[in-house]
C-alpha atoms as a PDB file:
ATOM      1  CA  UNK A   1      -0.073  -0.100  -0.017  1.00  0.00           C
ATOM      2  CA  UNK A   2       1.228   3.595  -1.049  1.00  0.00           C
ATOM      3  CA  UNK A   3       2.483   5.497   1.907  1.00  0.00           C
ATOM      4  CA  UNK A   4       0.609   9.024   2.864  1.00  0.00           C
ATOM      5  CA  UNK A   5       2.419  11.497   4.624  1.00  0.00           C
ATOM      6  CA  UNK A   6       1.146  14.609   5.912  1.00  0.00           C
ATOM      7  CA  UNK A   7       3.386  17.300   5.656  1.00  0.00           C
ATOM      8  CA  UNK A   8       3.250  20.700   6.918  1.00  0.00           C
ATOM      9  CA  UNK A   9       5.923  23.438   5.793  1.00  0.00           C
ATOM     10  CA  UNK A  10       5.972  26.511   8.679  1.00  0.00           C
ATOM     11  CA  UNK A  11       6.504  29.626   7.052  1.00  0.00           C
ATOM     12  CA  UNK A  12       6.921  33.192   8.963  1.00  0.00           C
ATOM     13  CA  UNK A  13       4.112  34.095   6.952  1.00  0.00           C
ATOM     14  CA  UNK A  14       2.153  31.442   6.150  1.00  0.00           C
ATOM     15  CA  UNK A  15       1.901  27.637   7.212  1.00  0.00           C
ATOM     16  CA  UNK A  16       0.777  24.715   4.039  1.00  0.00           C
ATOM     17  CA  UNK A  17      -0.031  21.550   4.666  1.00  0.00           C
ATOM     18  CA  UNK A  18      -1.448  18.249   2.608  1.00  0.00           C
ATOM     19  CA  UNK A  19      -0.823  14.769   2.389  1.00  0.00           C
ATOM     20  CA  UNK A  20       1.867  13.930  -0.019  1.00  0.00           C
ATOM     21  CA  UNK A  21       1.982  10.424  -1.734  1.00  0.00           C
ATOM     22  CA  UNK A  22       4.941   8.685  -3.417  1.00  0.00           C
ATOM     23  CA  UNK A  23       4.709  10.497  -6.527  1.00  0.00           C
ATOM     24  CA  UNK A  24       4.941  13.749  -5.350  1.00  0.00           C
ATOM     25  CA  UNK A  25       1.284  14.500  -5.147  1.00  0.00           C
ATOM     26  CA  UNK A  26      -0.931  16.390  -2.664  1.00  0.00           C
ATOM     27  CA  UNK A  27      -3.989  16.331  -1.780  1.00  0.00           C
ATOM     28  CA  UNK A  28      -6.059  18.197   1.112  1.00  0.00           C
ATOM     29  CA  UNK A  29      -3.774  21.341   0.823  1.00  0.00           C
ATOM     30  CA  UNK A  30      -4.381  24.043   2.545  1.00  0.00           C
ATOM     31  CA  UNK A  31      -2.835  27.428   3.807  1.00  0.00           C
ATOM     32  CA  UNK A  32      -3.511  29.492   6.608  1.00  0.00           C
ATOM     33  CA  UNK A  33      -1.645  32.322   8.362  1.00  0.00           C
ATOM     34  CA  UNK A  34       1.259  31.057  10.675  1.00  0.00           C
ATOM     35  CA  UNK A  35       0.727  34.309  13.226  1.00  0.00           C
ATOM     36  CA  UNK A  36       4.706  33.869  14.156  1.00  0.00           C
ATOM     37  CA  UNK A  37       5.081  37.326  15.892  1.00  0.00           C
ATOM     38  CA  UNK A  38       2.210  35.133  18.249  1.00  0.00           C
ATOM     39  CA  UNK A  39       5.367  33.538  19.457  1.00  0.00           C
ATOM     40  CA  UNK A  40       6.474  29.533  19.216  1.00  0.00           C
ATOM     41  CA  UNK A  41       3.720  27.995  21.738  1.00  0.00           C
ATOM     42  CA  UNK A  42       1.197  29.653  20.109  1.00  0.00           C
ATOM     43  CA  UNK A  43       2.830  28.604  16.273  1.00  0.00           C
ATOM     44  CA  UNK A  44       2.819  24.724  17.777  1.00  0.00           C
ATOM     45  CA  UNK A  45      -0.757  24.722  19.189  1.00  0.00           C
ATOM     46  CA  UNK A  46      -2.406  26.339  15.651  1.00  0.00           C
ATOM     47  CA  UNK A  47      -0.278  23.878  13.993  1.00  0.00           C
ATOM     48  CA  UNK A  48      -1.894  20.510  16.336  1.00  0.00           C
ATOM     49  CA  UNK A  49      -5.292  22.058  15.785  1.00  0.00           C
ATOM     50  CA  UNK A  50      -4.940  21.840  11.951  1.00  0.00           C
ATOM     51  CA  UNK A  51      -3.219  18.212  12.003  1.00  0.00           C
ATOM     52  CA  UNK A  52      -6.386  17.117  14.293  1.00  0.00           C
ATOM     53  CA  UNK A  53      -8.328  17.734  11.152  1.00  0.00           C
ATOM     54  CA  UNK A  54      -6.695  15.484   9.203  1.00  0.00           C
ATOM     55  CA  UNK A  55      -7.335  11.480   8.835  1.00  0.00           C
ATOM     56  CA  UNK A  56      -5.781   8.696   7.037  1.00  0.00           C
ATOM     57  CA  UNK A  57      -2.003   9.222   6.788  1.00  0.00           C
ATOM     58  CA  UNK A  58       1.200   6.865   7.869  1.00  0.00           C
ATOM     59  CA  UNK A  59       3.409   9.711   9.418  1.00  0.00           C
ATOM     60  CA  UNK A  60       3.786  13.436   9.736  1.00  0.00           C
ATOM     61  CA  UNK A  61       6.611  15.664   8.283  1.00  0.00           C
ATOM     62  CA  UNK A  62       7.546  19.221   9.063  1.00  0.00           C
ATOM     63  CA  UNK A  63       9.667  21.463   7.812  1.00  0.00           C
ATOM     64  CA  UNK A  64      10.200  24.720   9.030  1.00  0.00           C
ATOM     65  CA  UNK A  65      11.860  28.099   9.715  1.00  0.00           C
ATOM     66  CA  UNK A  66      14.624  28.440  12.108  1.00  0.00           C
ATOM     67  CA  UNK A  67      17.553  25.879  12.766  1.00  0.00           C
ATOM     68  CA  UNK A  68      16.523  22.291  13.156  1.00  0.00           C
ATOM     69  CA  UNK A  69      18.128  19.386  14.970  1.00  0.00           C
ATOM     70  CA  UNK A  70      16.910  16.490  12.622  1.00  0.00           C
ATOM     71  CA  UNK A  71      18.003  13.921  14.359  1.00  0.00           C
ATOM     72  CA  UNK A  72      15.708  14.876  17.645  1.00  0.00           C
ATOM     73  CA  UNK A  73      13.155  17.060  16.035  1.00  0.00           C
ATOM     74  CA  UNK A  74      13.471  20.274  17.832  1.00  0.00           C
ATOM     75  CA  UNK A  75      14.390  23.957  17.041  1.00  0.00           C
ATOM     76  CA  UNK A  76      18.127  24.530  18.020  1.00  0.00           C
ATOM     77  CA  UNK A  77      17.764  28.307  17.124  1.00  0.00           C
ATOM     78  CA  UNK A  78      15.473  30.604  15.797  1.00  0.00           C
ATOM     79  CA  UNK A  79      15.373  34.028  15.485  1.00  0.00           C
ATOM     80  CA  UNK A  80      12.928  36.647  16.674  1.00  0.00           C
ATOM     81  CA  UNK A  81      10.707  36.422  13.430  1.00  0.00           C
ATOM     82  CA  UNK A  82       9.104  33.531  15.675  1.00  0.00           C
ATOM     83  CA  UNK A  83       9.825  35.011  19.491  1.00  0.00           C
ATOM     84  CA  UNK A  84      10.177  31.865  21.814  1.00  0.00           C
ATOM     85  CA  UNK A  85      10.793  29.051  19.179  1.00  0.00           C
ATOM     86  CA  UNK A  86      14.256  27.997  19.933  1.00  0.00           C
ATOM     87  CA  UNK A  87      14.178  24.825  22.039  1.00  0.00           C
ATOM     88  CA  UNK A  88      10.225  23.878  20.789  1.00  0.00           C
ATOM     89  CA  UNK A  89      10.532  20.205  21.038  1.00  0.00           C
ATOM     90  CA  UNK A  90       8.677  19.706  17.594  1.00  0.00           C
ATOM     91  CA  UNK A  91       8.864  15.820  17.271  1.00  0.00           C
ATOM     92  CA  UNK A  92       8.111  15.316  20.338  1.00  0.00           C
ATOM     93  CA  UNK A  93       4.781  17.267  20.949  1.00  0.00           C
ATOM     94  CA  UNK A  94       3.307  16.008  17.705  1.00  0.00           C
ATOM     95  CA  UNK A  95       4.102  12.318  18.710  1.00  0.00           C
ATOM     96  CA  UNK A  96       3.017  12.547  22.335  1.00  0.00           C
ATOM     97  CA  UNK A  97      -0.218  13.795  20.936  1.00  0.00           C
ATOM     98  CA  UNK A  98      -1.132  11.769  17.861  1.00  0.00           C
ATOM     99  CA  UNK A  99       1.313   8.348  18.225  1.00  0.00           C
ATOM    100  CA  UNK A 100       2.128   8.541  14.783  1.00  0.00           C
ATOM    101  CA  UNK A 101       5.926   8.570  13.369  1.00  0.00           C
ATOM    102  CA  UNK A 102       7.484  12.547  12.937  1.00  0.00           C
ATOM    103  CA  UNK A 103      10.166  13.950  11.407  1.00  0.00           C
ATOM    104  CA  UNK A 104      11.149  17.614  11.365  1.00  0.00           C
ATOM    105  CA  UNK A 105      13.608  19.439   8.784  1.00  0.00           C
ATOM    106  CA  UNK A 106      14.595  22.997   8.009  1.00  0.00           C
ATOM    107  CA  UNK A 107      12.620  24.570   5.574  1.00  0.00           C
ATOM    108  CA  UNK A 108      15.666  25.172   3.200  1.00  0.00           C
ATOM    109  CA  UNK A 109      16.562  21.929   3.471  1.00  0.00           C
ATOM    110  CA  UNK A 110      13.283  20.506   2.988  1.00  0.00           C
ATOM    111  CA  UNK A 111      12.877  22.704  -0.470  1.00  0.00           C
ATOM    112  CA  UNK A 112      16.320  21.264  -1.455  1.00  0.00           C
ATOM    113  CA  UNK A 113      15.473  17.674  -0.755  1.00  0.00           C
ATOM    114  CA  UNK A 114      11.869  18.519  -2.299  1.00  0.00           C
ATOM    115  CA  UNK A 115      13.963  19.468  -5.692  1.00  0.00           C
ATOM    116  CA  UNK A 116      16.154  16.503  -5.577  1.00  0.00           C
ATOM    117  CA  UNK A 117      13.499  14.169  -5.601  1.00  0.00           C
ATOM    118  CA  UNK A 118      10.122  15.597  -7.488  1.00  0.00           C
ATOM    119  CA  UNK A 119      11.982  18.568  -8.975  1.00  0.00           C
ATOM    120  CA  UNK A 120      14.713  20.469 -10.747  1.00  0.00           C
ATOM    121  CA  UNK A 121      17.775  18.340  -9.253  1.00  0.00           C
ATOM    122  CA  UNK A 122      16.299  15.100  -9.796  1.00  0.00           C
ATOM    123  CA  UNK A 123      19.390  14.103 -12.091  1.00  0.00           C
ATOM    124  CA  UNK A 124      21.826  15.741  -9.650  1.00  0.00           C
ATOM    125  CA  UNK A 125      23.408  13.284  -7.034  1.00  0.00           C
ATOM    126  CA  UNK A 126      25.484  17.058  -5.240  1.00  0.00           C
ATOM    127  CA  UNK A 127      23.969  19.972  -5.759  1.00  0.00           C
ATOM    128  CA  UNK A 128      23.438  23.505  -3.377  1.00  0.00           C
ATOM    129  CA  UNK A 129      20.237  25.061  -2.994  1.00  0.00           C
ATOM    130  CA  UNK A 130      19.739  28.860  -2.139  1.00  0.00           C
ATOM    131  CA  UNK A 131      16.513  30.659  -1.243  1.00  0.00           C
ATOM    132  CA  UNK A 132      17.074  33.987  -1.668  1.00  0.00           C
ATOM    133  CA  UNK A 133      14.234  36.274   0.415  1.00  0.00           C
ATOM    134  CA  UNK A 134      14.300  38.120   3.659  1.00  0.00           C
ATOM    135  CA  UNK A 135      17.553  36.942   4.071  1.00  0.00           C
ATOM    136  CA  UNK A 136      19.282  34.103   1.998  1.00  0.00           C
ATOM    137  CA  UNK A 137      18.716  29.976   3.117  1.00  0.00           C
ATOM    138  CA  UNK A 138      21.152  27.353   2.167  1.00  0.00           C
ATOM    139  CA  UNK A 139      21.510  23.657   1.744  1.00  0.00           C
ATOM    140  CA  UNK A 140      23.934  21.131   0.839  1.00  0.00           C
ATOM    141  CA  UNK A 141      23.053  17.917  -0.748  1.00  0.00           C
ATOM    142  CA  UNK A 142      26.035  15.195  -1.560  1.00  0.00           C
ATOM    143  CA  UNK A 143      24.877  11.938  -2.716  1.00  0.00           C
ATOM    144  CA  UNK A 144      20.931  13.002  -1.935  1.00  0.00           C
ATOM    145  CA  UNK A 145      21.852  13.407   1.384  1.00  0.00           C
ATOM    146  CA  UNK A 146      21.828  16.654   3.580  1.00  0.00           C
ATOM    147  CA  UNK A 147      25.224  17.841   4.500  1.00  0.00           C
ATOM    148  CA  UNK A 148      24.782  19.121   8.076  1.00  0.00           C
ATOM    149  CA  UNK A 149      28.398  20.087   9.594  1.00  0.00           C
ATOM    150  CA  UNK A 150      29.323  19.253  13.208  1.00  0.00           C
ATOM    151  CA  UNK A 151      26.816  20.851  14.686  1.00  0.00           C
ATOM    152  CA  UNK A 152      23.652  20.011  12.330  1.00  0.00           C
ATOM    153  CA  UNK A 153      23.470  23.926  11.107  1.00  0.00           C
ATOM    154  CA  UNK A 154      25.784  23.894   8.211  1.00  0.00           C
ATOM    155  CA  UNK A 155      25.090  25.982   4.814  1.00  0.00           C
ATOM    156  CA  UNK A 156      24.342  29.213   7.049  1.00  0.00           C
ATOM    157  CA  UNK A 157      25.197  30.699   3.545  1.00  0.00           C
ATOM    158  CA  UNK A 158      23.369  33.946   4.063  1.00  0.00           C
ATOM    159  CA  UNK A 159      26.491  34.659   6.450  1.00  0.00           C
ATOM    160  CA  UNK A 160      29.465  34.172   4.418  1.00  0.00           C
ATOM    161  CA  UNK A 161      31.490  37.595   4.470  1.00  0.00           C
ATOM    162  CA  UNK A 162      31.324  39.262   1.090  1.00  0.00           C
ATOM    163  CA  UNK A 163      32.751  42.049   2.040  1.00  0.00           C
ATOM    164  CA  UNK A 164      35.605  43.122   4.489  1.00  0.00           C
ATOM    165  CA  UNK A 165      35.139  43.683   8.008  1.00  0.00           C
ATOM    166  CA  UNK A 166      36.087  47.652   7.738  1.00  0.00           C
ATOM    167  CA  UNK A 167      32.992  48.099   5.870  1.00  0.00           C
ATOM    168  CA  UNK A 168      31.093  47.497   9.245  1.00  0.00           C
ATOM    169  CA  UNK A 169      32.101  50.703  10.363  1.00  0.00           C
ATOM    170  CA  UNK A 170      31.138  52.596   7.492  1.00  0.00           C
ATOM    171  CA  UNK A 171      27.769  51.279   6.809  1.00  0.00           C
ATOM    172  CA  UNK A 172      24.744  49.841   8.959  1.00  0.00           C
ATOM    173  CA  UNK A 173      24.603  46.628   6.856  1.00  0.00           C
ATOM    174  CA  UNK A 174      26.838  44.078   8.023  1.00  0.00           C
ATOM    175  CA  UNK A 175      29.449  42.547   5.618  1.00  0.00           C
ATOM    176  CA  UNK A 176      27.540  39.021   4.822  1.00  0.00           C
ATOM    177  CA  UNK A 177      26.161  38.192   2.033  1.00  0.00           C
ATOM    178  CA  UNK A 178      22.143  38.307   2.609  1.00  0.00           C
ATOM    179  CA  UNK A 179      23.087  41.754   3.874  1.00  0.00           C
ATOM    180  CA  UNK A 180      23.854  42.566  -0.527  1.00  0.00           C
ATOM    181  CA  UNK A 181      22.132  40.056  -1.647  1.00  0.00           C
ATOM    182  CA  UNK A 182      18.676  39.082  -0.209  1.00  0.00           C
ATOM    183  CA  UNK A 183      15.390  40.225  -1.570  1.00  0.00           C
ATOM    184  CA  UNK A 184      15.280  42.304   1.159  1.00  0.00           C
ATOM    185  CA  UNK A 185      18.583  44.346   0.100  1.00  0.00           C
ATOM    186  CA  UNK A 186      17.488  44.580  -3.564  1.00  0.00           C
ATOM    187  CA  UNK A 187      13.896  45.554  -2.172  1.00  0.00           C
ATOM    188  CA  UNK A 188      15.930  48.571   0.130  1.00  0.00           C
ATOM    189  CA  UNK A 189      18.411  49.867  -2.476  1.00  0.00           C
ATOM    190  CA  UNK A 190      14.920  49.907  -5.048  1.00  0.00           C
ATOM    191  CA  UNK A 191      12.892  52.112  -2.661  1.00  0.00           C
ATOM    192  CA  UNK A 192      16.089  54.594  -3.029  1.00  0.00           C
ATOM    193  CA  UNK A 193      15.407  55.368  -6.645  1.00  0.00           C
ATOM    194  CA  UNK A 194      11.770  54.853  -6.935  1.00  0.00           C
ATOM    195  CA  UNK A 195       9.450  54.546  -3.025  1.00  0.00           C
ATOM    196  CA  UNK A 196       7.186  52.867  -5.284  1.00  0.00           C
ATOM    197  CA  UNK A 197       8.839  49.717  -5.138  1.00  0.00           C
ATOM    198  CA  UNK A 198       7.473  48.124  -2.088  1.00  0.00           C
ATOM    199  CA  UNK A 199       8.105  44.413  -3.230  1.00  0.00           C
ATOM    200  CA  UNK A 200       9.257  42.555  -6.187  1.00  0.00           C
ATOM    201  CA  UNK A 201       6.447  42.183  -8.280  1.00  0.00           C
ATOM    202  CA  UNK A 202       5.980  46.036  -8.686  1.00  0.00           C
ATOM    203  CA  UNK A 203      10.241  46.307  -8.950  1.00  0.00           C
ATOM    204  CA  UNK A 204       9.752  44.237 -11.832  1.00  0.00           C
ATOM    205  CA  UNK A 205       6.525  45.526 -13.085  1.00  0.00           C
ATOM    206  CA  UNK A 206       8.405  48.630 -13.429  1.00  0.00           C
ATOM    207  CA  UNK A 207      11.234  47.129 -15.208  1.00  0.00           C
ATOM    208  CA  UNK A 208       9.057  45.449 -17.724  1.00  0.00           C
ATOM    209  CA  UNK A 209       8.083  48.871 -18.676  1.00  0.00           C
ATOM    210  CA  UNK A 210      10.950  50.249 -19.375  1.00  0.00           C
ATOM    211  CA  UNK A 211      12.496  51.925 -16.094  1.00  0.00           C
ATOM    212  CA  UNK A 212      16.129  51.752 -16.756  1.00  0.00           C
ATOM    213  CA  UNK A 213      17.318  52.974 -13.023  1.00  0.00           C
ATOM    214  CA  UNK A 214      15.343  50.125 -11.538  1.00  0.00           C
ATOM    215  CA  UNK A 215      17.060  47.951 -14.454  1.00  0.00           C
ATOM    216  CA  UNK A 216      20.872  48.981 -13.624  1.00  0.00           C
ATOM    217  CA  UNK A 217      20.025  48.333  -9.814  1.00  0.00           C
ATOM    218  CA  UNK A 218      18.519  44.758 -10.694  1.00  0.00           C
ATOM    219  CA  UNK A 219      21.928  44.205 -12.328  1.00  0.00           C
ATOM    220  CA  UNK A 220      24.467  45.537  -9.743  1.00  0.00           C
ATOM    221  CA  UNK A 221      22.236  43.277  -7.209  1.00  0.00           C
ATOM    222  CA  UNK A 222      22.583  40.073  -9.356  1.00  0.00           C
ATOM    223  CA  UNK A 223      25.983  40.781  -9.532  1.00  0.00           C
ATOM    224  CA  UNK A 224      26.174  40.830  -5.751  1.00  0.00           C
ATOM    225  CA  UNK A 225      24.475  37.551  -6.004  1.00  0.00           C
ATOM    226  CA  UNK A 226      26.702  35.961  -8.346  1.00  0.00           C
ATOM    227  CA  UNK A 227      29.841  36.873  -5.995  1.00  0.00           C
ATOM    228  CA  UNK A 228      28.749  34.477  -3.145  1.00  0.00           C
ATOM    229  CA  UNK A 229      27.606  32.105  -5.922  1.00  0.00           C
ATOM    230  CA  UNK A 230      31.309  32.014  -7.298  1.00  0.00           C
ATOM    231  CA  UNK A 231      32.721  31.620  -4.183  1.00  0.00           C
ATOM    232  CA  UNK A 232      30.467  28.520  -3.546  1.00  0.00           C
ATOM    233  CA  UNK A 233      30.955  27.293  -6.600  1.00  0.00           C
ATOM    234  CA  UNK A 234      34.981  27.070  -6.306  1.00  0.00           C
ATOM    235  CA  UNK A 235      34.773  25.462  -2.476  1.00  0.00           C
ATOM    236  CA  UNK A 236      32.225  23.100  -3.411  1.00  0.00           C
ATOM    237  CA  UNK A 237      32.513  22.141  -7.025  1.00  0.00           C
ATOM    238  CA  UNK A 238      28.760  20.998  -7.472  1.00  0.00           C
ATOM    239  CA  UNK A 239      27.210  19.798 -10.172  1.00  0.00           C
ATOM    240  CA  UNK A 240      24.081  22.265 -10.021  1.00  0.00           C
ATOM    241  CA  UNK A 241      22.867  24.825  -7.999  1.00  0.00           C
ATOM    242  CA  UNK A 242      19.277  25.418  -7.627  1.00  0.00           C
ATOM    243  CA  UNK A 243      18.101  29.628  -6.796  1.00  0.00           C
ATOM    244  CA  UNK A 244      14.741  29.614  -5.274  1.00  0.00           C
ATOM    245  CA  UNK A 245      12.393  32.603  -3.561  1.00  0.00           C
ATOM    246  CA  UNK A 246       9.737  34.789  -5.204  1.00  0.00           C
ATOM    247  CA  UNK A 247      12.765  37.024  -7.333  1.00  0.00           C
ATOM    248  CA  UNK A 248      13.997  33.873  -8.921  1.00  0.00           C
ATOM    249  CA  UNK A 249      11.014  33.018 -10.321  1.00  0.00           C
ATOM    250  CA  UNK A 250      11.999  35.369 -13.184  1.00  0.00           C
ATOM    251  CA  UNK A 251      13.650  33.058 -15.811  1.00  0.00           C
ATOM    252  CA  UNK A 252      15.549  36.099 -17.203  1.00  0.00           C
ATOM    253  CA  UNK A 253      17.203  37.053 -13.776  1.00  0.00           C
ATOM    254  CA  UNK A 254      18.249  33.434 -13.359  1.00  0.00           C
ATOM    255  CA  UNK A 255      19.950  33.622 -16.485  1.00  0.00           C
ATOM    256  CA  UNK A 256      21.658  36.878 -15.755  1.00  0.00           C
ATOM    257  CA  UNK A 257      22.935  35.289 -12.606  1.00  0.00           C
ATOM    258  CA  UNK A 258      24.193  32.667 -14.233  1.00  0.00           C
ATOM    259  CA  UNK A 259      26.087  34.459 -16.984  1.00  0.00           C
ATOM    260  CA  UNK A 260      27.562  36.961 -14.678  1.00  0.00           C
ATOM    261  CA  UNK A 261      28.841  34.238 -12.015  1.00  0.00           C
ATOM    262  CA  UNK A 262      30.436  32.211 -14.926  1.00  0.00           C
ATOM    263  CA  UNK A 263      32.252  35.118 -16.040  1.00  0.00           C
ATOM    264  CA  UNK A 264      33.773  34.942 -12.259  1.00  0.00           C
ATOM    265  CA  UNK A 265      34.706  31.294 -12.005  1.00  0.00           C
ATOM    266  CA  UNK A 266      37.710  29.335 -12.824  1.00  0.00           C
ATOM    267  CA  UNK A 267      37.299  27.669 -16.646  1.00  0.00           C
ATOM    268  CA  UNK A 268      37.377  24.103 -14.875  1.00  0.00           C
ATOM    269  CA  UNK A 269      34.272  24.885 -12.920  1.00  0.00           C
ATOM    270  CA  UNK A 270      32.227  26.288 -15.821  1.00  0.00           C
ATOM    271  CA  UNK A 271      30.363  22.933 -16.129  1.00  0.00           C
ATOM    272  CA  UNK A 272      28.033  23.543 -13.134  1.00  0.00           C
ATOM    273  CA  UNK A 273      24.522  24.605 -13.928  1.00  0.00           C
ATOM    274  CA  UNK A 274      22.498  27.188 -12.508  1.00  0.00           C
ATOM    275  CA  UNK A 275      18.535  26.543 -12.605  1.00  0.00           C
ATOM    276  CA  UNK A 276      15.790  27.855 -10.929  1.00  0.00           C
ATOM    277  CA  UNK A 277      13.620  25.839  -8.416  1.00  0.00           C
ATOM    278  CA  UNK A 278      10.669  24.176  -9.908  1.00  0.00           C
ATOM    279  CA  UNK A 279       8.457  23.033  -7.111  1.00  0.00           C
ATOM    280  CA  UNK A 280       7.414  26.529  -5.891  1.00  0.00           C
ATOM    281  CA  UNK A 281       6.079  27.116  -2.565  1.00  0.00           C
ATOM    282  CA  UNK A 282       5.260  23.451  -2.380  1.00  0.00           C
ATOM    283  CA  UNK A 283       9.153  22.203  -2.388  1.00  0.00           C
ATOM    284  CA  UNK A 284       9.111  22.602   1.525  1.00  0.00           C
ATOM    285  CA  UNK A 285       6.164  19.994   1.602  1.00  0.00           C
ATOM    286  CA  UNK A 286       7.346  17.703  -0.738  1.00  0.00           C
ATOM    287  CA  UNK A 287      10.962  17.733   0.668  1.00  0.00           C
ATOM    288  CA  UNK A 288       9.637  16.880   4.279  1.00  0.00           C
ATOM    289  CA  UNK A 289       7.635  14.153   2.978  1.00  0.00           C
ATOM    290  CA  UNK A 290      10.410  12.371   1.328  1.00  0.00           C
ATOM    291  CA  UNK A 291      12.135  11.720   4.605  1.00  0.00           C
ATOM    292  CA  UNK A 292       9.509   9.168   4.934  1.00  0.00           C
ATOM    293  CA  UNK A 293       9.586   8.278   0.920  1.00  0.00           C
ATOM    294  CA  UNK A 294      12.983   7.837  -0.085  1.00  0.00           C
END
């Protein structure tokens, strides 16, 4: 009998849920506001209420924001986006309530696994995955397995340094990759040129209408993205890099990033593929489910 996994993807804004099968199909999909500002205990209690509405599944798989101890299923660290979430014993709480097997994974790791089993990375054994949003999330996949590092929290790509420390005294931004190459950074710069650019949709709409100044800002931002990717390519020599996040749904932007990145790397690394994530907002659900399905 085919296995059915109840998967949930807990994000800072919304939580997605559904029952996933071995083909990557999702049934009974729902999405609800996480209300993360109310804190980790509230997020957890709301999740339990939602789980109780489902029937006929074999296990529960959770993808969540924050650093995760995947072996024991708890939150190692979560920032202020979800207050009082650090230390939350997600696996233990769900298992005790519903008496079913539970696995928990970091959201970017889950998205990478989703792409590995059902999406753009299905033909690669080794690849990196980066999501560009409020910050920059990362995942390392080696032989179809997440590489976790000594303490289980590897691939904090957003915190690699792309500026000298001296910058810290001259700018408010810290010299991290995500300070210059996240979507947040892009929109902050765009708003200086055009205050109407409150999000990526407005930004790209204006570029399509021929706003040359914003197009220049986009090219400069893509160069920031490429600097980080070039460093990661030289370190890991991956077969592919999968890029995701709302802004990376733009095919032209992904091609621009690929061209700029390949202009920076050594020729012996030039076979690397830079590909757009293909599963959209379902990647975390499918990746979490794959923890049981593979």
